[in-house]
Amino acid sequence: MAKAYKITVANTGQSFMCSQDEVLLSAMKRARCGPIHYGCFGGGCGVCKMKIISGDVKFVKRMSREHVTLEEEQRGYVLICCVKPLSEVTLVECKK
């Protein structure tokens, strides 16, 4: 059985559990925890962009550099459809 981690959305104070085998966006959608913004689920549309303020993730899909630059990635920005947790994670919604 895969390990699950607590994922917290700092903007709302909500949290949900995410298996190490599941991308963050899928778990967020399943838990109906907000803010839930998504489009393609493939890393290309940029709608699910959030910032990781604590915790570790692994990339399982390529993110579009049109939506997350290398500089942004280095500052913690990710498309949550492209990452799985390696620890407890705290996210913050990107303001549009």
Protein backbone atom coordinates (compact mmCIF):
# COMPACT_ATOMS: atom_id res chain seq x y z
CA MET A 1 0.00 0.00 0.00
CA ALA A 2 1.35 3.40 -0.99
CA LYS A 3 2.12 5.95 1.68
CA ALA A 4 -0.19 8.98 1.85
CA TYR A 5 0.75 12.51 2.87
CA LYS A 6 -1.23 15.47 4.18
CA ILE A 7 -1.45 18.28 1.63
CA THR A 8 -2.47 21.73 2.89
CA VAL A 9 -3.68 24.68 0.84
CA ALA A 10 -2.42 27.71 2.77
CA ASN A 11 -4.88 30.17 1.19
CA THR A 12 -7.91 28.30 2.47
CA GLY A 13 -6.53 26.29 5.39
CA GLN A 14 -8.03 23.16 3.85
CA SER A 15 -6.11 19.91 3.73
CA PHE A 16 -6.47 16.52 2.08
CA MET A 17 -4.55 13.27 1.82
CA CYS A 18 -2.59 12.34 -1.28
CA SER A 19 -0.96 9.00 -1.98
CA GLN A 20 2.65 9.01 -3.14
CA ASP A 21 1.29 7.31 -6.28
CA GLU A 22 -1.19 10.09 -7.13
CA VAL A 23 -0.63 13.54 -8.60
CA LEU A 24 -1.64 16.40 -6.30
CA LEU A 25 -4.36 17.67 -8.61
CA SER A 26 -6.16 14.31 -8.74
CA ALA A 27 -6.20 14.05 -4.94
CA MET A 28 -7.35 17.67 -4.59
CA LYS A 29 -10.19 17.06 -7.03
CA ARG A 30 -11.20 13.80 -5.34
CA ALA A 31 -11.23 15.50 -1.92
CA ARG A 32 -13.17 18.49 -3.30
CA CYS A 33 -10.61 20.69 -1.61
CA GLY A 34 -10.13 24.11 -3.12
CA PRO A 35 -9.13 26.02 -4.98
CA ILE A 36 -9.56 23.44 -7.74
CA HIS A 37 -8.54 24.80 -11.11
CA TYR A 38 -7.73 22.40 -13.90
CA GLY A 39 -7.86 21.91 -17.62
CA CYS A 40 -5.86 19.29 -19.46
CA PHE A 41 -4.35 17.20 -16.60
CA GLY A 42 -1.28 16.87 -18.82
CA GLY A 43 1.01 19.77 -17.92
CA GLY A 44 0.23 21.86 -20.97
CA CYS A 45 -2.51 24.34 -20.07
CA GLY A 46 -1.09 25.94 -16.91
CA VAL A 47 -4.45 26.26 -15.15
CA CYS A 48 -3.39 24.26 -12.07
CA LYS A 49 -0.30 26.35 -11.31
CA MET A 50 0.43 26.65 -7.59
CA LYS A 51 3.44 27.38 -5.41
CA ILE A 52 4.91 24.82 -3.04
CA ILE A 53 5.89 26.66 0.13
CA SER A 54 7.00 23.55 2.03
CA GLY A 55 7.51 19.88 1.36
CA ASP A 56 8.98 17.76 -1.40
CA VAL A 57 7.48 16.47 -4.63
CA LYS A 58 8.65 14.45 -7.60
CA PHE A 59 7.89 15.38 -11.18
CA VAL A 60 6.10 12.69 -13.16
CA LYS A 61 5.17 14.78 -16.23
CA ARG A 62 6.85 17.62 -18.08
CA MET A 63 5.48 21.07 -17.33
CA SER A 64 4.97 23.57 -20.12
CA ARG A 65 7.68 26.24 -19.89
CA GLU A 66 5.12 28.63 -21.32
CA HIS A 67 3.30 28.39 -17.98
CA VAL A 68 6.10 27.66 -15.49
CA THR A 69 9.52 29.06 -16.35
CA LEU A 70 12.68 27.45 -15.01
CA GLU A 71 13.11 30.47 -12.70
CA GLU A 72 9.56 30.03 -11.35
CA GLU A 73 10.15 26.31 -10.83
CA GLN A 74 13.26 27.11 -8.82
CA ARG A 75 11.09 29.36 -6.61
CA GLY A 76 8.60 26.54 -6.00
CA TYR A 77 5.98 27.01 -8.71
CA VAL A 78 4.58 23.83 -10.26
CA LEU A 79 1.64 22.54 -12.21
CA ILE A 80 0.06 20.26 -9.62
CA CYS A 81 -1.06 17.82 -12.31
CA CYS A 82 2.62 17.00 -12.85
CA VAL A 83 3.83 16.20 -9.33
CA LYS A 84 3.40 13.51 -6.67
CA PRO A 85 4.21 14.07 -2.99
CA LEU A 86 7.34 12.79 -1.27
CA SER A 87 6.37 14.35 2.07
CA GLU A 88 3.68 16.53 3.58
CA VAL A 89 3.24 19.54 1.27
CA THR A 90 1.87 23.05 1.75
CA LEU A 91 0.67 24.85 -1.37
CA VAL A 92 -0.48 28.36 -2.06
CA GLU A 93 -2.77 29.39 -4.90
CA CYS A 94 -1.19 31.58 -7.57
CA LYS A 95 -3.07 34.82 -7.99
CA LYS A 96 -4.05 35.37 -11.61
